[in-house]
Amino acid sequence: MTKNELLQISSRIKFRRKSLGYTQEEISEKLGLSHSHYTKIENAISSPSLDTLVNISKLLGLSLDFIVFGEEQKNDYDFTKLNNIINDLKYNNSQKISDLKTFIKLLELIDTI
């Protein structure tokens, strides 16, 4: 992560914290981080771990896409394929049910990235 990227991530986190009316102390306590460590994250002195970034996103109600990229990323799911599989389920085809379960698992995996 470049210094510029870290500065952008930190500024998004700080802006959201302030807009919600939280202090750094309140956020660091809720995250289980020391105040000094959280301050370093907000001031782009230290990069947050992935776990910390996920916890910050949940606490502040921001997606990881927004925190990291500054915008929501478009998911290019193949909804046509999903719709076709669902329609085929009317015929109780066990292979199609298996395909649907696999497809849904892939969607869930993509959403966690």
N, C-alpha and C. Protein backbone atom coordinates (compact mmCIF):
# COMPACT_ATOMS: atom_id res chain seq x y z
N MET A 1 0.86 -1.17 0.00
CA MET A 1 0.00 0.00 0.00
C MET A 1 0.90 1.24 0.00
N THR A 2 0.62 2.15 -0.91
CA THR A 2 1.43 3.36 -0.99
C THR A 2 1.02 4.33 0.12
N LYS A 3 1.86 5.30 0.37
CA LYS A 3 1.55 6.31 1.38
C LYS A 3 0.29 7.09 1.00
N ASN A 4 0.14 7.39 -0.29
CA ASN A 4 -1.04 8.12 -0.76
C ASN A 4 -2.31 7.30 -0.53
N GLU A 5 -2.26 6.00 -0.83
CA GLU A 5 -3.42 5.14 -0.60
C GLU A 5 -3.75 5.07 0.88
N LEU A 6 -2.73 4.97 1.70
CA LEU A 6 -2.94 4.94 3.16
C LEU A 6 -3.56 6.24 3.64
N LEU A 7 -3.11 7.37 3.10
CA LEU A 7 -3.69 8.66 3.46
C LEU A 7 -5.17 8.74 3.08
N GLN A 8 -5.51 8.21 1.92
CA GLN A 8 -6.91 8.23 1.48
C GLN A 8 -7.78 7.34 2.36
N ILE A 9 -7.30 6.15 2.67
CA ILE A 9 -8.04 5.24 3.55
C ILE A 9 -8.24 5.88 4.92
N SER A 10 -7.18 6.44 5.45
CA SER A 10 -7.24 7.07 6.77
C SER A 10 -8.22 8.24 6.79
N SER A 11 -8.22 9.03 5.74
CA SER A 11 -9.12 10.19 5.71
C SER A 11 -10.58 9.75 5.62
N ARG A 12 -10.85 8.67 4.90
CA ARG A 12 -12.23 8.16 4.84
C ARG A 12 -12.70 7.66 6.20
N ILE A 13 -11.82 6.98 6.89
CA ILE A 13 -12.15 6.47 8.23
C ILE A 13 -12.39 7.64 9.19
N LYS A 14 -11.48 8.60 9.17
CA LYS A 14 -11.60 9.75 10.07
C LYS A 14 -12.86 10.56 9.79
N PHE A 15 -13.14 10.80 8.51
CA PHE A 15 -14.33 11.57 8.14
C PHE A 15 -15.60 10.88 8.63
N ARG A 16 -15.68 9.57 8.43
CA ARG A 16 -16.87 8.83 8.85
C ARG A 16 -17.00 8.84 10.38
N ARG A 17 -15.89 8.64 11.07
CA ARG A 17 -15.93 8.66 12.55
C ARG A 17 -16.47 9.99 13.04
N LYS A 18 -15.94 11.07 12.49
CA LYS A 18 -16.37 12.40 12.91
C LYS A 18 -17.83 12.65 12.54
N SER A 19 -18.25 12.19 11.37
CA SER A 19 -19.64 12.41 10.95
C SER A 19 -20.62 11.66 11.84
N LEU A 20 -20.17 10.57 12.45
CA LEU A 20 -21.01 9.81 13.39
C LEU A 20 -20.92 10.35 14.82
N GLY A 21 -20.01 11.31 15.03
CA GLY A 21 -19.89 11.94 16.33
C GLY A 21 -19.08 11.16 17.36
N TYR A 22 -18.25 10.23 16.90
CA TYR A 22 -17.42 9.45 17.82
C TYR A 22 -16.06 10.10 18.01
N THR A 23 -15.49 9.88 19.17
CA THR A 23 -14.11 10.30 19.40
C THR A 23 -13.18 9.13 19.04
N GLN A 24 -11.92 9.42 18.89
CA GLN A 24 -10.95 8.35 18.63
C GLN A 24 -10.93 7.36 19.79
N GLU A 25 -11.07 7.87 21.01
CA GLU A 25 -11.07 7.01 22.19
C GLU A 25 -12.24 6.02 22.15
N GLU A 26 -13.42 6.52 21.77
CA GLU A 26 -14.60 5.65 21.71
C GLU A 26 -14.42 4.55 20.67
N ILE A 27 -13.92 4.93 19.50
CA ILE A 27 -13.73 3.95 18.43
C ILE A 27 -12.67 2.93 18.81
N SER A 28 -11.55 3.40 19.33
CA SER A 28 -10.48 2.46 19.68
C SER A 28 -10.95 1.49 20.76
N GLU A 29 -11.76 1.95 21.69
CA GLU A 29 -12.29 1.07 22.73
C GLU A 29 -13.23 0.03 22.13
N LYS A 30 -14.12 0.47 21.24
CA LYS A 30 -15.06 -0.46 20.60
C LYS A 30 -14.33 -1.50 19.75
N LEU A 31 -13.21 -1.11 19.17
CA LEU A 31 -12.42 -2.02 18.33
C LEU A 31 -11.48 -2.90 19.14
N GLY A 32 -11.28 -2.55 20.40
CA GLY A 32 -10.34 -3.30 21.22
C GLY A 32 -8.89 -2.98 20.88
N LEU A 33 -8.67 -1.77 20.40
CA LEU A 33 -7.31 -1.31 20.06
C LEU A 33 -6.86 -0.26 21.06
N SER A 34 -5.58 -0.12 21.20
CA SER A 34 -5.09 0.98 22.04
C SER A 34 -5.39 2.29 21.32
N HIS A 35 -5.56 3.33 22.11
CA HIS A 35 -5.84 4.65 21.52
C HIS A 35 -4.71 5.07 20.60
N SER A 36 -3.47 4.82 21.02
CA SER A 36 -2.33 5.25 20.20
C SER A 36 -2.28 4.50 18.87
N HIS A 37 -2.61 3.22 18.88
CA HIS A 37 -2.61 2.46 17.62
C HIS A 37 -3.69 2.97 16.68
N TYR A 38 -4.89 3.22 17.21
CA TYR A 38 -5.96 3.72 16.35
C TYR A 38 -5.61 5.11 15.80
N THR A 39 -5.01 5.94 16.61
CA THR A 39 -4.59 7.27 16.17
C THR A 39 -3.59 7.17 15.02
N LYS A 40 -2.69 6.21 15.11
CA LYS A 40 -1.71 6.00 14.04
C LYS A 40 -2.40 5.57 12.74
N ILE A 41 -3.46 4.79 12.86
CA ILE A 41 -4.21 4.38 11.67
C ILE A 41 -4.87 5.60 11.04
N GLU A 42 -5.54 6.41 11.86
CA GLU A 42 -6.23 7.59 11.34
C GLU A 42 -5.29 8.65 10.79
N ASN A 43 -4.08 8.67 11.30
CA ASN A 43 -3.11 9.66 10.83
C ASN A 43 -2.16 9.10 9.77
N ALA A 44 -2.49 7.94 9.25
CA ALA A 44 -1.73 7.30 8.17
C ALA A 44 -0.28 7.04 8.55
N ILE A 45 -0.06 6.79 9.82
CA ILE A 45 1.29 6.43 10.30
C ILE A 45 1.46 4.92 10.27
N SER A 46 0.35 4.21 10.49
CA SER A 46 0.36 2.76 10.54
C SER A 46 -0.77 2.21 9.66
N SER A 47 -0.47 1.13 8.94
CA SER A 47 -1.50 0.47 8.13
C SER A 47 -2.31 -0.46 9.02
N PRO A 48 -3.63 -0.43 8.88
CA PRO A 48 -4.43 -1.38 9.66
C PRO A 48 -4.31 -2.78 9.06
N SER A 49 -4.38 -3.79 9.93
CA SER A 49 -4.42 -5.16 9.43
C SER A 49 -5.77 -5.37 8.74
N LEU A 50 -5.88 -6.44 8.00
CA LEU A 50 -7.14 -6.73 7.32
C LEU A 50 -8.26 -6.93 8.36
N ASP A 51 -7.96 -7.63 9.45
CA ASP A 51 -8.97 -7.83 10.50
C ASP A 51 -9.43 -6.50 11.07
N THR A 52 -8.49 -5.62 11.33
CA THR A 52 -8.84 -4.30 11.88
C THR A 52 -9.66 -3.51 10.87
N LEU A 53 -9.28 -3.57 9.62
CA LEU A 53 -10.02 -2.85 8.57
C LEU A 53 -11.45 -3.37 8.46
N VAL A 54 -11.63 -4.67 8.54
CA VAL A 54 -12.97 -5.26 8.50
C VAL A 54 -13.78 -4.78 9.71
N ASN A 55 -13.17 -4.79 10.89
CA ASN A 55 -13.88 -4.34 12.10
C ASN A 55 -14.23 -2.86 12.04
N ILE A 56 -13.34 -2.06 11.50
CA ILE A 56 -13.62 -0.62 11.33
C ILE A 56 -14.79 -0.45 10.36
N SER A 57 -14.79 -1.19 9.26
CA SER A 57 -15.86 -1.05 8.28
C SER A 57 -17.21 -1.41 8.88
N LYS A 58 -17.25 -2.47 9.67
CA LYS A 58 -18.50 -2.87 10.32
C LYS A 58 -18.95 -1.83 11.33
N LEU A 59 -18.02 -1.36 12.14
CA LEU A 59 -18.36 -0.40 13.19
C LEU A 59 -18.85 0.92 12.61
N LEU A 60 -18.21 1.37 11.55
CA LEU A 60 -18.57 2.67 10.97
C LEU A 60 -19.63 2.56 9.88
N GLY A 61 -20.03 1.35 9.55
CA GLY A 61 -21.07 1.16 8.54
C GLY A 61 -20.61 1.51 7.13
N LEU A 62 -19.35 1.21 6.84
CA LEU A 62 -18.78 1.47 5.52
C LEU A 62 -18.37 0.15 4.89
N SER A 63 -18.50 0.04 3.58
CA SER A 63 -18.02 -1.17 2.91
C SER A 63 -16.50 -1.08 2.79
N LEU A 64 -15.88 -2.24 2.69
CA LEU A 64 -14.43 -2.25 2.47
C LEU A 64 -14.10 -1.61 1.13
N ASP A 65 -14.97 -1.80 0.14
CA ASP A 65 -14.75 -1.16 -1.17
C ASP A 65 -14.63 0.35 -1.01
N PHE A 66 -15.54 0.93 -0.23
CA PHE A 66 -15.50 2.38 -0.07
C PHE A 66 -14.25 2.81 0.70
N ILE A 67 -13.93 2.11 1.78
CA ILE A 67 -12.76 2.49 2.56
C ILE A 67 -11.49 2.43 1.71
N VAL A 68 -11.33 1.36 0.96
CA VAL A 68 -10.10 1.15 0.20
C VAL A 68 -10.07 1.92 -1.11
N PHE A 69 -11.20 1.91 -1.86
CA PHE A 69 -11.20 2.49 -3.20
C PHE A 69 -11.91 3.84 -3.30
N GLY A 70 -12.67 4.20 -2.29
CA GLY A 70 -13.38 5.47 -2.32
C GLY A 70 -14.71 5.42 -3.04
N GLU A 71 -15.09 4.24 -3.49
CA GLU A 71 -16.38 4.06 -4.17
C GLU A 71 -16.79 2.61 -4.04
N GLU A 72 -18.07 2.38 -4.22
CA GLU A 72 -18.57 1.01 -4.20
C GLU A 72 -18.19 0.35 -5.52
N GLN A 73 -17.70 -0.86 -5.43
CA GLN A 73 -17.33 -1.60 -6.63
C GLN A 73 -18.55 -2.35 -7.13
N LYS A 74 -18.72 -2.38 -8.45
CA LYS A 74 -19.85 -3.07 -9.05
C LYS A 74 -19.55 -4.56 -9.10
N ASN A 75 -20.49 -5.35 -8.62
CA ASN A 75 -20.36 -6.81 -8.72
C ASN A 75 -20.97 -7.25 -10.04
N ASP A 76 -20.20 -7.99 -10.80
CA ASP A 76 -20.66 -8.46 -12.10
C ASP A 76 -21.15 -9.91 -12.00
N TYR A 77 -22.16 -10.12 -11.17
CA TYR A 77 -22.72 -11.45 -11.03
C TYR A 77 -23.45 -11.84 -12.31
N ASP A 78 -23.44 -13.11 -12.59
CA ASP A 78 -24.15 -13.61 -13.76
C ASP A 78 -25.58 -13.95 -13.34
N PHE A 79 -26.41 -12.91 -13.23
CA PHE A 79 -27.78 -13.12 -12.77
C PHE A 79 -28.61 -13.87 -13.79
N THR A 80 -28.26 -13.80 -15.06
CA THR A 80 -28.99 -14.56 -16.08
C THR A 80 -28.80 -16.05 -15.81
N LYS A 81 -27.56 -16.46 -15.54
CA LYS A 81 -27.29 -17.86 -15.24
C LYS A 81 -28.04 -18.28 -13.98
N LEU A 82 -28.01 -17.46 -12.96
CA LEU A 82 -28.71 -17.76 -11.72
C LEU A 82 -30.21 -17.90 -11.96
N ASN A 83 -30.78 -17.01 -12.73
CA ASN A 83 -32.21 -17.06 -13.04
C ASN A 83 -32.56 -18.33 -13.82
N ASN A 84 -31.72 -18.71 -14.77
CA ASN A 84 -31.96 -19.94 -15.53
C ASN A 84 -31.91 -21.17 -14.63
N ILE A 85 -30.96 -21.19 -13.72
CA ILE A 85 -30.85 -22.33 -12.80
C ILE A 85 -32.09 -22.40 -11.91
N ILE A 86 -32.53 -21.27 -11.41
CA ILE A 86 -33.72 -21.24 -10.55
C ILE A 86 -34.95 -21.72 -11.32
N ASN A 87 -35.08 -21.27 -12.56
CA ASN A 87 -36.22 -21.72 -13.38
C ASN A 87 -36.17 -23.23 -13.61
N ASP A 88 -34.98 -23.77 -13.80
CA ASP A 88 -34.84 -25.21 -14.02
C ASP A 88 -35.16 -26.01 -12.76
N LEU A 89 -35.09 -25.38 -11.59
CA LEU A 89 -35.40 -26.08 -10.35
C LEU A 89 -36.85 -26.56 -10.32
N LYS A 90 -37.68 -25.95 -11.12
CA LYS A 90 -39.09 -26.36 -11.18
C LYS A 90 -39.20 -27.83 -11.55
N TYR A 91 -38.18 -28.34 -12.23
CA TYR A 91 -38.21 -29.73 -12.67
C TYR A 91 -37.45 -30.65 -11.71
N ASN A 92 -37.04 -30.10 -10.56
CA ASN A 92 -36.39 -30.87 -9.49
C ASN A 92 -35.16 -31.63 -9.98
N ASN A 93 -34.35 -30.98 -10.75
CA ASN A 93 -33.14 -31.57 -11.28
C ASN A 93 -32.04 -31.45 -10.23
N SER A 94 -31.56 -32.58 -9.72
CA SER A 94 -30.58 -32.56 -8.63
C SER A 94 -29.26 -31.92 -9.06
N GLN A 95 -28.86 -32.06 -10.32
CA GLN A 95 -27.63 -31.42 -10.79
C GLN A 95 -27.77 -29.90 -10.78
N LYS A 96 -28.93 -29.41 -11.17
CA LYS A 96 -29.16 -27.97 -11.16
C LYS A 96 -29.16 -27.43 -9.73
N ILE A 97 -29.73 -28.19 -8.82
CA ILE A 97 -29.72 -27.77 -7.41
C ILE A 97 -28.28 -27.68 -6.92
N SER A 98 -27.47 -28.66 -7.28
CA SER A 98 -26.05 -28.65 -6.91
C SER A 98 -25.34 -27.45 -7.53
N ASP A 99 -25.64 -27.17 -8.81
CA ASP A 99 -25.05 -26.01 -9.50
C ASP A 99 -25.43 -24.70 -8.80
N LEU A 100 -26.68 -24.62 -8.38
CA LEU A 100 -27.15 -23.41 -7.70
C LEU A 100 -26.43 -23.23 -6.38
N LYS A 101 -26.30 -24.30 -5.62
CA LYS A 101 -25.61 -24.21 -4.34
C LYS A 101 -24.16 -23.77 -4.54
N THR A 102 -23.50 -24.31 -5.54
CA THR A 102 -22.11 -23.92 -5.85
C THR A 102 -22.04 -22.45 -6.24
N PHE A 103 -22.97 -22.02 -7.07
CA PHE A 103 -23.00 -20.63 -7.52
C PHE A 103 -23.21 -19.67 -6.35
N ILE A 104 -24.12 -20.02 -5.47
CA ILE A 104 -24.40 -19.18 -4.30
C ILE A 104 -23.17 -19.11 -3.39
N LYS A 105 -22.47 -20.22 -3.20
CA LYS A 105 -21.26 -20.23 -2.39
C LYS A 105 -20.21 -19.30 -3.01
N LEU A 106 -20.09 -19.32 -4.33
CA LEU A 106 -19.14 -18.43 -5.01
C LEU A 106 -19.52 -16.97 -4.80
N LEU A 107 -20.81 -16.66 -4.88
CA LEU A 107 -21.26 -15.29 -4.64
C LEU A 107 -20.93 -14.85 -3.22
N GLU A 108 -21.15 -15.73 -2.26
CA GLU A 108 -20.84 -15.41 -0.88
C GLU A 108 -19.35 -15.18 -0.70
N LEU A 109 -18.53 -15.99 -1.36
CA LEU A 109 -17.08 -15.82 -1.29
C LEU A 109 -16.65 -14.48 -1.87
N ILE A 110 -17.22 -14.12 -3.00
CA ILE A 110 -16.89 -12.85 -3.65
C ILE A 110 -17.24 -11.68 -2.73
N ASP A 111 -18.37 -11.76 -2.05
CA ASP A 111 -18.80 -10.67 -1.18
C ASP A 111 -17.92 -10.50 0.04
N THR A 112 -17.15 -11.53 0.42
CA THR A 112 -16.27 -11.42 1.58
C THR A 112 -14.91 -10.86 1.24
N ILE A 113 -14.64 -10.77 -0.05
CA ILE A 113 -13.32 -10.26 -0.48
C ILE A 113 -13.30 -8.76 -0.44
